[in-house]
C-alpha atoms as a PDB file:
ATOM      1  CA  MET A   1      -1.081  -5.021  22.266  1.00  0.00           C
ATOM      2  CA  GLY A   2       1.030  -7.073  19.560  1.00  0.00           C
ATOM      3  CA  ARG A   3       0.320  -8.692  16.408  1.00  0.00           C
ATOM      4  CA  GLY A   4      -1.502 -11.780  17.965  1.00  0.00           C
ATOM      5  CA  GLY A   5      -4.197 -11.616  20.564  1.00  0.00           C
ATOM      6  CA  SER A   6      -8.000 -11.395  19.872  1.00  0.00           C
ATOM      7  CA  GLU A   7      -9.183 -10.435  16.449  1.00  0.00           C
ATOM      8  CA  GLN A   8      -9.691  -6.858  16.855  1.00  0.00           C
ATOM      9  CA  GLY A   9      -6.381  -6.793  18.852  1.00  0.00           C
ATOM     10  CA  SER A  10      -3.820  -8.616  15.537  1.00  0.00           C
ATOM     11  CA  ALA A  11      -4.610  -7.831  11.726  1.00  0.00           C
ATOM     12  CA  GLY A  12      -7.560  -9.030  11.145  1.00  0.00           C
ATOM     13  CA  PRO A  13      -9.144 -12.526  10.620  1.00  0.00           C
ATOM     14  CA  HIS A  14      -7.944 -15.398   8.204  1.00  0.00           C
ATOM     15  CA  ARG A  15      -8.978 -14.601   4.699  1.00  0.00           C
ATOM     16  CA  ASP A  16     -11.171 -17.596   4.966  1.00  0.00           C
ATOM     17  CA  GLU A  17     -13.135 -15.981   7.962  1.00  0.00           C
ATOM     18  CA  ILE A  18     -13.752 -13.584   6.117  1.00  0.00           C
ATOM     19  CA  PRO A  19     -17.934 -12.863   5.260  1.00  0.00           C
ATOM     20  CA  THR A  20     -18.273 -13.145   1.660  1.00  0.00           C
ATOM     21  CA  ASP A  21     -21.114 -13.237  -1.130  1.00  0.00           C
ATOM     22  CA  ASP A  22     -20.565 -13.792  -4.834  1.00  0.00           C
ATOM     23  CA  VAL A  23     -17.426 -11.301  -5.052  1.00  0.00           C
ATOM     24  CA  PRO A  24     -14.510 -12.843  -4.351  1.00  0.00           C
ATOM     25  CA  ILE A  25     -11.948 -11.716  -2.481  1.00  0.00           C
ATOM     26  CA  ARG A  26      -8.258 -11.123  -4.034  1.00  0.00           C
ATOM     27  CA  SER A  27      -5.130 -10.515  -2.562  1.00  0.00           C
ATOM     28  CA  ALA A  28      -4.078  -7.057  -3.295  1.00  0.00           C
ATOM     29  CA  ALA A  29      -0.953  -4.963  -1.829  1.00  0.00           C
ATOM     30  CA  THR A  30      -0.662  -1.133  -2.638  1.00  0.00           C
ATOM     31  CA  VAL A  31       2.507   0.814  -1.342  1.00  0.00           C
ATOM     32  CA  VAL A  32       3.300   4.340  -0.305  1.00  0.00           C
ATOM     33  CA  LEU A  33       6.327   5.773  -1.206  1.00  0.00           C
ATOM     34  CA  LEU A  34       7.941   8.593   0.766  1.00  0.00           C
ATOM     35  CA  ASP A  35      10.499  10.973   0.122  1.00  0.00           C
ATOM     36  CA  ASP A  36      12.272  14.139   2.144  1.00  0.00           C
ATOM     37  CA  ARG A  37      11.918  17.169  -0.181  1.00  0.00           C
ATOM     38  CA  PRO A  38      12.928  18.241   2.460  1.00  0.00           C
ATOM     39  CA  ASP A  39      10.022  17.083   4.793  1.00  0.00           C
ATOM     40  CA  LEU A  40       8.105  14.139   4.540  1.00  0.00           C
ATOM     41  CA  HIS A  41       6.157  13.957   1.394  1.00  0.00           C
ATOM     42  CA  VAL A  42       4.300  10.968  -0.423  1.00  0.00           C
ATOM     43  CA  LEU A  43       3.809   9.889  -4.044  1.00  0.00           C
ATOM     44  CA  ALA A  44      -0.234  10.348  -4.568  1.00  0.00           C
ATOM     45  CA  LEU A  45      -1.958   9.125  -7.667  1.00  0.00           C
ATOM     46  CA  ARG A  46      -5.201   9.819  -9.548  1.00  0.00           C
ATOM     47  CA  ARG A  47      -6.911   6.670 -10.683  1.00  0.00           C
ATOM     48  CA  THR A  48      -8.174   6.994 -14.723  1.00  0.00           C
ATOM     49  CA  ASP A  49     -12.149   8.039 -14.401  1.00  0.00           C
ATOM     50  CA  ALA A  50     -12.203   5.080 -17.080  1.00  0.00           C
ATOM     51  CA  SER A  51     -11.898   2.341 -14.056  1.00  0.00           C
ATOM     52  CA  THR A  52     -14.748   0.155 -12.532  1.00  0.00           C
ATOM     53  CA  PHE A  53     -13.023   0.344  -9.421  1.00  0.00           C
ATOM     54  CA  VAL A  54     -12.696   3.768  -7.318  1.00  0.00           C
ATOM     55  CA  ALA A  55     -12.839   5.795 -10.794  1.00  0.00           C
ATOM     56  CA  GLY A  56     -10.547   9.011 -10.146  1.00  0.00           C
ATOM     57  CA  TYR A  57     -10.007   8.300  -6.728  1.00  0.00           C
ATOM     58  CA  THR A  58      -6.682   9.176  -4.963  1.00  0.00           C
ATOM     59  CA  LEU A  59      -4.688   6.672  -3.886  1.00  0.00           C
ATOM     60  CA  PHE A  60      -0.853   4.983  -4.061  1.00  0.00           C
ATOM     61  CA  PRO A  61       0.655   2.631  -6.534  1.00  0.00           C
ATOM     62  CA  GLY A  62      -0.265  -1.610  -5.908  1.00  0.00           C
ATOM     63  CA  GLY A  63      -2.780  -3.574  -7.361  1.00  0.00           C
ATOM     64  CA  ALA A  64      -3.878  -7.471  -7.409  1.00  0.00           C
ATOM     65  CA  VAL A  65      -1.573 -10.307  -6.528  1.00  0.00           C
ATOM     66  CA  ASP A  66      -0.739 -12.319  -9.900  1.00  0.00           C
ATOM     67  CA  ASP A  67       0.326 -15.758 -10.442  1.00  0.00           C
ATOM     68  CA  GLY A  68       3.691 -14.771 -10.868  1.00  0.00           C
ATOM     69  CA  ASP A  69       4.114 -13.111  -7.284  1.00  0.00           C
ATOM     70  CA  HIS A  70       4.006 -16.288  -6.221  1.00  0.00           C
ATOM     71  CA  ASP A  71       6.346 -17.787  -8.416  1.00  0.00           C
ATOM     72  CA  ALA A  72       8.796 -20.498  -6.736  1.00  0.00           C
ATOM     73  CA  ARG A  73      12.100 -18.756  -7.733  1.00  0.00           C
ATOM     74  CA  TRP A  74      10.741 -15.658  -5.985  1.00  0.00           C
ATOM     75  CA  GLY A  75      12.708 -17.603  -2.994  1.00  0.00           C
ATOM     76  CA  ASP A  76      16.114 -17.263  -4.442  1.00  0.00           C
ATOM     77  CA  LEU A  77      15.646 -14.491  -6.692  1.00  0.00           C
ATOM     78  CA  SER A  78      14.990 -11.752  -3.037  1.00  0.00           C
ATOM     79  CA  SER A  79      16.507 -11.092   0.140  1.00  0.00           C
ATOM     80  CA  GLY A  80      15.495  -8.785   2.733  1.00  0.00           C
ATOM     81  CA  ALA A  81      13.822  -9.458   6.007  1.00  0.00           C
ATOM     82  CA  VAL A  82      10.068 -11.126   4.978  1.00  0.00           C
ATOM     83  CA  GLY A  83       7.775 -10.794   7.784  1.00  0.00           C
ATOM     84  CA  ALA A  84       4.783 -12.348   8.278  1.00  0.00           C
ATOM     85  CA  LEU A  85       1.464 -10.539   7.154  1.00  0.00           C
ATOM     86  CA  PRO A  86      -1.486 -11.683  10.051  1.00  0.00           C
ATOM     87  CA  GLY A  87      -4.044 -13.272   8.091  1.00  0.00           C
ATOM     88  CA  MET A  88      -2.702 -12.985   4.704  1.00  0.00           C
ATOM     89  CA  ASP A  89      -0.800 -16.400   3.322  1.00  0.00           C
ATOM     90  CA  ASP A  90       2.106 -16.051   1.489  1.00  0.00           C
ATOM     91  CA  PRO A  91       3.778 -12.931   2.423  1.00  0.00           C
ATOM     92  CA  LEU A  92       6.677 -12.614  -0.027  1.00  0.00           C
ATOM     93  CA  SER A  93       3.709 -12.525  -2.788  1.00  0.00           C
ATOM     94  CA  TYR A  94       2.373  -9.215  -1.407  1.00  0.00           C
ATOM     95  CA  ARG A  95       5.897  -7.737  -1.707  1.00  0.00           C
ATOM     96  CA  ILE A  96       6.549  -9.114  -4.869  1.00  0.00           C
ATOM     97  CA  ALA A  97       3.362  -7.423  -6.383  1.00  0.00           C
ATOM     98  CA  VAL A  98       4.736  -4.387  -4.938  1.00  0.00           C
ATOM     99  CA  VAL A  99       7.759  -4.452  -6.965  1.00  0.00           C
ATOM    100  CA  ARG A 100       6.150  -5.483  -9.901  1.00  0.00           C
ATOM    101  CA  GLU A 101       3.116  -2.974  -9.566  1.00  0.00           C
ATOM    102  CA  THR A 102       5.286  -0.093  -8.957  1.00  0.00           C
ATOM    103  CA  ILE A 103       7.246  -0.889 -12.046  1.00  0.00           C
ATOM    104  CA  GLU A 104       4.260  -1.095 -14.099  1.00  0.00           C
ATOM    105  CA  GLU A 105       2.157   1.776 -13.210  1.00  0.00           C
ATOM    106  CA  ILE A 106       4.724   4.466 -12.543  1.00  0.00           C
ATOM    107  CA  GLY A 107       8.204   3.174 -14.050  1.00  0.00           C
ATOM    108  CA  VAL A 108       9.665   2.921  -9.990  1.00  0.00           C
ATOM    109  CA  ALA A 109      11.827  -0.023  -9.514  1.00  0.00           C
ATOM    110  CA  VAL A 110      11.798  -0.676  -5.760  1.00  0.00           C
ATOM    111  CA  GLY A 111      14.177  -2.690  -4.074  1.00  0.00           C
ATOM    112  CA  ILE A 112      16.928  -2.661  -7.012  1.00  0.00           C
ATOM    113  CA  ALA A 113      20.294  -1.550  -5.826  1.00  0.00           C
ATOM    114  CA  ASP A 114      21.579  -1.693  -9.496  1.00  0.00           C
ATOM    115  CA  GLU A 115      20.701   1.350 -11.253  1.00  0.00           C
ATOM    116  CA  GLU A 116      21.130  -0.251 -14.092  1.00  0.00           C
ATOM    117  CA  VAL A 117      19.236  -3.031 -13.946  1.00  0.00           C
ATOM    118  CA  ALA A 118      16.550  -0.932 -12.506  1.00  0.00           C
ATOM    119  CA  ALA A 119      16.310   0.876 -15.187  1.00  0.00           C
ATOM    120  CA  ASP A 120      15.995  -2.377 -17.677  1.00  0.00           C
ATOM    121  CA  LEU A 121      13.389  -3.109 -15.936  1.00  0.00           C
ATOM    122  CA  VAL A 122      11.830  -0.439 -16.233  1.00  0.00           C
ATOM    123  CA  ALA A 123      11.743   0.002 -20.047  1.00  0.00           C
ATOM    124  CA  ARG A 124       9.999  -3.816 -19.482  1.00  0.00           C
ATOM    125  CA  ARG A 125       7.111  -2.301 -18.045  1.00  0.00           C
ATOM    126  CA  HIS A 126       5.147  -2.549 -20.898  1.00  0.00           C
ATOM    127  CA  ASP A 127       5.801  -5.930 -21.182  1.00  0.00           C
ATOM    128  CA  LEU A 128       4.858  -6.353 -17.439  1.00  0.00           C
ATOM    129  CA  GLU A 129       2.070  -5.330 -17.463  1.00  0.00           C
ATOM    130  CA  SER A 130       0.774  -7.400 -20.534  1.00  0.00           C
ATOM    131  CA  GLY A 131       1.672 -10.369 -19.562  1.00  0.00           C
ATOM    132  CA  ALA A 132       4.607 -10.599 -21.920  1.00  0.00           C
ATOM    133  CA  VAL A 133       7.040 -11.646 -20.109  1.00  0.00           C
ATOM    134  CA  SER A 134       7.249 -12.304 -15.923  1.00  0.00           C
ATOM    135  CA  LEU A 135       9.273 -10.003 -13.668  1.00  0.00           C
ATOM    136  CA  ALA A 136      10.809 -13.259 -12.225  1.00  0.00           C
ATOM    137  CA  ASP A 137      11.931 -13.270 -15.856  1.00  0.00           C
ATOM    138  CA  LEU A 138      13.318 -10.442 -15.920  1.00  0.00           C
ATOM    139  CA  VAL A 139      14.966 -10.802 -12.836  1.00  0.00           C
ATOM    140  CA  SER A 140      16.483 -14.014 -13.351  1.00  0.00           C
ATOM    141  CA  ALA A 141      17.842 -13.001 -17.148  1.00  0.00           C
ATOM    142  CA  ALA A 142      19.453 -10.316 -15.153  1.00  0.00           C
ATOM    143  CA  GLY A 143      21.479 -12.390 -12.516  1.00  0.00           C
ATOM    144  CA  ALA A 144      19.863  -9.777 -10.229  1.00  0.00           C
ATOM    145  CA  HIS A 145      17.906 -10.310  -7.059  1.00  0.00           C
ATOM    146  CA  LEU A 146      15.115  -8.207  -5.139  1.00  0.00           C
ATOM    147  CA  ASP A 147      16.167  -6.523  -1.738  1.00  0.00           C
ATOM    148  CA  LEU A 148      12.527  -6.371   0.327  1.00  0.00           C
ATOM    149  CA  SER A 149      13.933  -5.310   3.198  1.00  0.00           C
ATOM    150  CA  GLY A 150      13.314  -1.601   3.014  1.00  0.00           C
ATOM    151  CA  ILE A 151       9.344  -2.708   2.361  1.00  0.00           C
ATOM    152  CA  HIS A 152       7.530  -1.963   5.248  1.00  0.00           C
ATOM    153  CA  PRO A 153       4.222  -3.277   5.919  1.00  0.00           C
ATOM    154  CA  VAL A 154       1.800  -0.954   7.816  1.00  0.00           C
ATOM    155  CA  ALA A 155      -2.347  -1.826   7.321  1.00  0.00           C
ATOM    156  CA  ARG A 156      -4.475  -3.908   6.114  1.00  0.00           C
ATOM    157  CA  TRP A 157      -7.375  -3.336   4.121  1.00  0.00           C
ATOM    158  CA  VAL A 158     -10.341  -5.693   2.867  1.00  0.00           C
ATOM    159  CA  THR A 159     -13.230  -4.264   1.019  1.00  0.00           C
ATOM    160  CA  PRO A 160     -16.400  -4.460   2.363  1.00  0.00           C
ATOM    161  CA  MET A 161     -19.708  -5.671   0.691  1.00  0.00           C
ATOM    162  CA  PRO A 162     -21.163  -5.226  -1.153  1.00  0.00           C
ATOM    163  CA  SER A 163     -18.889  -3.966  -3.798  1.00  0.00           C
ATOM    164  CA  ILE A 164     -18.292  -5.361  -7.540  1.00  0.00           C
ATOM    165  CA  LYS A 165     -14.798  -6.126  -6.738  1.00  0.00           C
ATOM    166  CA  ARG A 166     -13.255  -7.134  -3.404  1.00  0.00           C
ATOM    167  CA  TYR A 167      -9.511  -6.438  -2.373  1.00  0.00           C
ATOM    168  CA  ASP A 168      -7.382  -8.378   0.450  1.00  0.00           C
ATOM    169  CA  THR A 169      -4.979  -5.889   0.684  1.00  0.00           C
ATOM    170  CA  ALA A 170      -1.663  -5.192   2.994  1.00  0.00           C
ATOM    171  CA  PHE A 171      -0.533  -1.862   2.931  1.00  0.00           C
ATOM    172  CA  PHE A 172       3.541  -0.734   2.652  1.00  0.00           C
ATOM    173  CA  VAL A 173       5.633   1.906   2.901  1.00  0.00           C
ATOM    174  CA  ALA A 174       8.810   2.350   1.040  1.00  0.00           C
ATOM    175  CA  ARG A 175      11.391   4.794   0.424  1.00  0.00           C
ATOM    176  CA  VAL A 176      11.484   6.274  -2.790  1.00  0.00           C
ATOM    177  CA  PRO A 177      14.482   5.141  -4.601  1.00  0.00           C
ATOM    178  CA  ALA A 178      17.111   7.981  -5.166  1.00  0.00           C
ATOM    179  CA  GLY A 179      16.693   9.471  -8.674  1.00  0.00           C
ATOM    180  CA  SER A 180      13.259   7.780  -9.866  1.00  0.00           C
ATOM    181  CA  ARG A 181      11.066   9.801 -11.452  1.00  0.00           C
ATOM    182  CA  PRO A 182       7.744   8.898 -11.575  1.00  0.00           C
ATOM    183  CA  VAL A 183       5.719   8.625 -14.723  1.00  0.00           C
ATOM    184  CA  VAL A 184       2.146   7.105 -14.560  1.00  0.00           C
ATOM    185  CA  ASP A 185       1.399   4.149 -17.041  1.00  0.00           C
ATOM    186  CA  GLY A 186      -1.771   6.348 -18.449  1.00  0.00           C
ATOM    187  CA  ARG A 187      -3.885   3.514 -18.074  1.00  0.00           C
ATOM    188  CA  GLU A 188      -4.620   2.825 -14.616  1.00  0.00           C
ATOM    189  CA  ALA A 189      -3.047   5.951 -13.012  1.00  0.00           C
ATOM    190  CA  VAL A 190      -3.053   9.096 -14.975  1.00  0.00           C
ATOM    191  CA  HIS A 191      -1.849  11.195 -12.696  1.00  0.00           C
ATOM    192  CA  ALA A 192       1.363  11.508  -9.870  1.00  0.00           C
ATOM    193  CA  GLU A 193       2.406  13.866  -7.476  1.00  0.00           C
ATOM    194  CA  TRP A 194       4.380  14.576  -4.322  1.00  0.00           C
ATOM    195  CA  CYS A 195       2.619  16.190  -1.519  1.00  0.00           C
ATOM    196  CA  ARG A 196       2.768  16.594   2.296  1.00  0.00           C
ATOM    197  CA  PRO A 197       0.060  14.212   3.899  1.00  0.00           C
ATOM    198  CA  ALA A 198      -1.300  17.469   5.688  1.00  0.00           C
ATOM    199  CA  ASP A 199      -1.265  19.269   2.397  1.00  0.00           C
ATOM    200  CA  ALA A 200      -3.521  15.738   0.667  1.00  0.00           C
ATOM    201  CA  LEU A 201      -5.984  15.983   3.640  1.00  0.00           C
ATOM    202  CA  GLU A 202      -6.869  19.797   3.414  1.00  0.00           C
ATOM    203  CA  ARG A 203      -7.584  19.129  -0.388  1.00  0.00           C
ATOM    204  CA  TRP A 204      -9.719  16.001   0.272  1.00  0.00           C
ATOM    205  CA  GLU A 205     -11.339  17.815   3.087  1.00  0.00           C
ATOM    206  CA  ALA A 206     -11.961  20.803   0.659  1.00  0.00           C
ATOM    207  CA  GLY A 207     -13.324  18.306  -1.926  1.00  0.00           C
ATOM    208  CA  GLU A 208     -10.555  18.753  -4.222  1.00  0.00           C
ATOM    209  CA  LEU A 209      -9.142  15.204  -3.836  1.00  0.00           C
ATOM    210  CA  THR A 210     -11.527  11.778  -3.415  1.00  0.00           C
ATOM    211  CA  MET A 211     -10.763   9.254  -1.311  1.00  0.00           C
ATOM    212  CA  ILE A 212     -11.529   6.144   0.353  1.00  0.00           C
ATOM    213  CA  SER A 213     -10.959   5.527   4.086  1.00  0.00           C
ATOM    214  CA  PRO A 214      -7.621   3.070   3.622  1.00  0.00           C
ATOM    215  CA  THR A 215      -6.068   6.353   1.790  1.00  0.00           C
ATOM    216  CA  ILE A 216      -7.447   8.683   4.325  1.00  0.00           C
ATOM    217  CA  ALA A 217      -6.265   6.471   6.836  1.00  0.00           C
ATOM    218  CA  MET A 218      -2.512   6.399   5.924  1.00  0.00           C
ATOM    219  CA  PHE A 219      -2.314  10.175   5.134  1.00  0.00           C
ATOM    220  CA  GLN A 220      -3.871  10.644   8.184  1.00  0.00           C
ATOM    221  CA  ARG A 221      -1.045   8.622  10.230  1.00  0.00           C
ATOM    222  CA  LEU A 222       2.240  10.254   7.784  1.00  0.00           C
ATOM    223  CA  ALA A 223       0.943  13.712   8.735  1.00  0.00           C
ATOM    224  CA  SER A 224       1.881  13.485  12.220  1.00  0.00           C
ATOM    225  CA  TRP A 225       5.770  11.930  10.920  1.00  0.00           C
ATOM    226  CA  ARG A 226       8.270  14.528   9.467  1.00  0.00           C
ATOM    227  CA  THR A 227      10.988  12.618   7.787  1.00  0.00           C
ATOM    228  CA  VAL A 228      11.058   9.069   6.053  1.00  0.00           C
ATOM    229  CA  ASP A 229      13.768   7.196   8.385  1.00  0.00           C
ATOM    230  CA  GLU A 230      11.238   8.159  11.387  1.00  0.00           C
ATOM    231  CA  VAL A 231       8.402   6.736   9.693  1.00  0.00           C
ATOM    232  CA  LEU A 232      10.624   3.301   8.623  1.00  0.00           C
ATOM    233  CA  ALA A 233      11.439   3.188  11.934  1.00  0.00           C
ATOM    234  CA  ALA A 234       7.848   3.685  13.666  1.00  0.00           C
ATOM    235  CA  THR A 235       7.053   0.563  11.357  1.00  0.00           C
ATOM    236  CA  THR A 236       9.208  -2.164  13.954  1.00  0.00           C
ATOM    237  CA  ASP A 237       6.834  -3.782  16.051  1.00  0.00           C
ATOM    238  CA  ALA A 238       4.374  -1.173  16.397  1.00  0.00           C
ATOM    239  CA  PRO A 239       0.870  -1.792  18.074  1.00  0.00           C
ATOM    240  CA  VAL A 240      -1.763  -2.883  15.678  1.00  0.00           C
ATOM    241  CA  ARG A 241      -4.670  -0.305  15.653  1.00  0.00           C
ATOM    242  CA  HIS A 242      -8.208  -1.815  14.556  1.00  0.00           C
ATOM    243  CA  VAL A 243      -9.948   1.333  13.211  1.00  0.00           C
ATOM    244  CA  ARG A 244     -13.916   2.299  13.089  1.00  0.00           C
ATOM    245  CA  ILE A 245     -15.414   5.133  10.691  1.00  0.00           C
ATOM    246  CA  LEU A 246     -18.630   6.975  10.065  1.00  0.00           C
ATOM    247  CA  ASP A 247     -17.967   7.966   6.608  1.00  0.00           C
ATOM    248  CA  ASP A 248     -16.077   5.607   4.018  1.00  0.00           C
ATOM    249  CA  SER A 249     -15.020   8.804   2.112  1.00  0.00           C
ATOM    250  CA  THR A 250     -15.745  12.485   3.569  1.00  0.00           C
ATOM    251  CA  THR A 251     -14.739  11.841   7.491  1.00  0.00           C
ATOM    252  CA  PRO A 252     -11.676  10.792   8.647  1.00  0.00           C
ATOM    253  CA  VAL A 253     -10.907   7.467   9.795  1.00  0.00           C
ATOM    254  CA  ARG A 254     -10.775   6.590  13.628  1.00  0.00           C
ATOM    255  CA  PHE A 255      -8.238   4.628  15.336  1.00  0.00           C
ATOM    256  CA  GLU A 256      -8.161   2.992  18.822  1.00  0.00           C
ATOM    257  CA  GLY A 257      -7.248   5.310  21.562  1.00  0.00           C
ATOM    258  CA  ASP A 258      -9.007   8.255  19.846  1.00  0.00           C
ATOM    259  CA  ASP A 259     -11.659   9.983  22.359  1.00  0.00           C
ATOM    260  CA  ASP A 260     -13.920   9.987  19.451  1.00  0.00           C
ATOM    261  CA  TYR A 261     -13.324   5.959  18.306  1.00  0.00           C
ATOM    262  CA  ASP A 262     -16.620   5.284  19.575  1.00  0.00           C
ATOM    263  CA  ALA A 263     -18.284   7.924  18.260  1.00  0.00           C
ATOM    264  CA  LEU A 264     -22.668   7.744  17.639  1.00  0.00           C
ATOM    265  CA  GLY A 265     -22.573   6.535  13.963  1.00  0.00           C
ATOM    266  CA  THR A 266     -19.224   5.071  13.800  1.00  0.00           C
ATOM    267  CA  ARG A 267     -18.710   1.649  12.443  1.00  0.00           C
ATOM    268  CA  ALA A 268     -16.555  -1.122  12.526  1.00  0.00           C
ATOM    269  CA  THR A 269     -14.279  -1.353   9.323  1.00  0.00           C
ATOM    270  CA  LEU A 270     -12.084  -4.810   7.677  1.00  0.00           C
ATOM    271  CA  GLY A 271      -9.161  -2.257   8.093  1.00  0.00           C
ATOM    272  CA  TRP A 272      -6.055  -2.484  10.017  1.00  0.00           C
ATOM    273  CA  VAL A 273      -3.336   0.150  10.738  1.00  0.00           C
ATOM    274  CA  TRP A 274      -0.206  -0.461  12.884  1.00  0.00           C
ATOM    275  CA  LEU A 275       1.839   2.753  12.296  1.00  0.00           C
ATOM    276  CA  PRO A 276       1.226   4.491  15.295  1.00  0.00           C
ATOM    277  CA  ALA A 277       0.849   8.510  15.108  1.00  0.00           C
ATOM    278  CA  GLY A 278       4.006  10.430  15.312  1.00  0.00           C
ATOM    279  CA  PRO A 279       5.709  13.503  16.929  1.00  0.00           C
ATOM    280  CA  LEU A 280       3.662  15.845  15.568  1.00  0.00           C
ATOM    281  CA  GLY A 281       0.340  14.497  16.781  1.00  0.00           C
ATOM    282  CA  GLY A 282      -3.054  12.744  15.507  1.00  0.00           C
END
């Protein structure tokens, strides 16, 4: 089953077809950074307790797509394969948001091969976050460009009603740039750590971490893979899986094909994942 077809088999409806209330649905992007240490590890963040949305929860770098991510200059300032995101307009803007948010939130520049340019961008992270300067301005002034070919889409999740904030979020995976040392901004994220996906799930089951379905689903899928190369290879033409849940934060996500997918009490979500289970199963 490819990324076309029916709503359940595709990556979901277009934004205009999603039920809504008085809370607008904003575009957002999240990236799951991967590294071999030497086995597969994922960078997990803890959101500040002062946040008005998922306060104190474990999640991944990311945030809302802003106006600068739609800058017309990005067509010339970026390169790499940029495939469509079914149901989501302007797929380039989501990938730009990934680069910008990762710089702002943890001081890591994804998609910049030149280490000196990357360091200069990270040095301006607080100016980016405050809006004093745009990422397009910085990249243009450096005579650089973004290589987006290593940022691979793997999921789409829409915040359900009711919620004080709603997002239509594209999830990506990417290899962390060599030599990067994530440092949280202290405003949105207050802690960062590398962890094995299976270990993160064990800590969640023990009540040590708090997560919601999109994060849980990514850890579930990644726990079945051994290396970054395997994960990135698996993102190519992978089948979309519409997911179901029993509870948003205390039970595992159910993927199409799971024995308990239609178990009593489960319900459909506005979530679609196209990273398959790997050789370790799950």
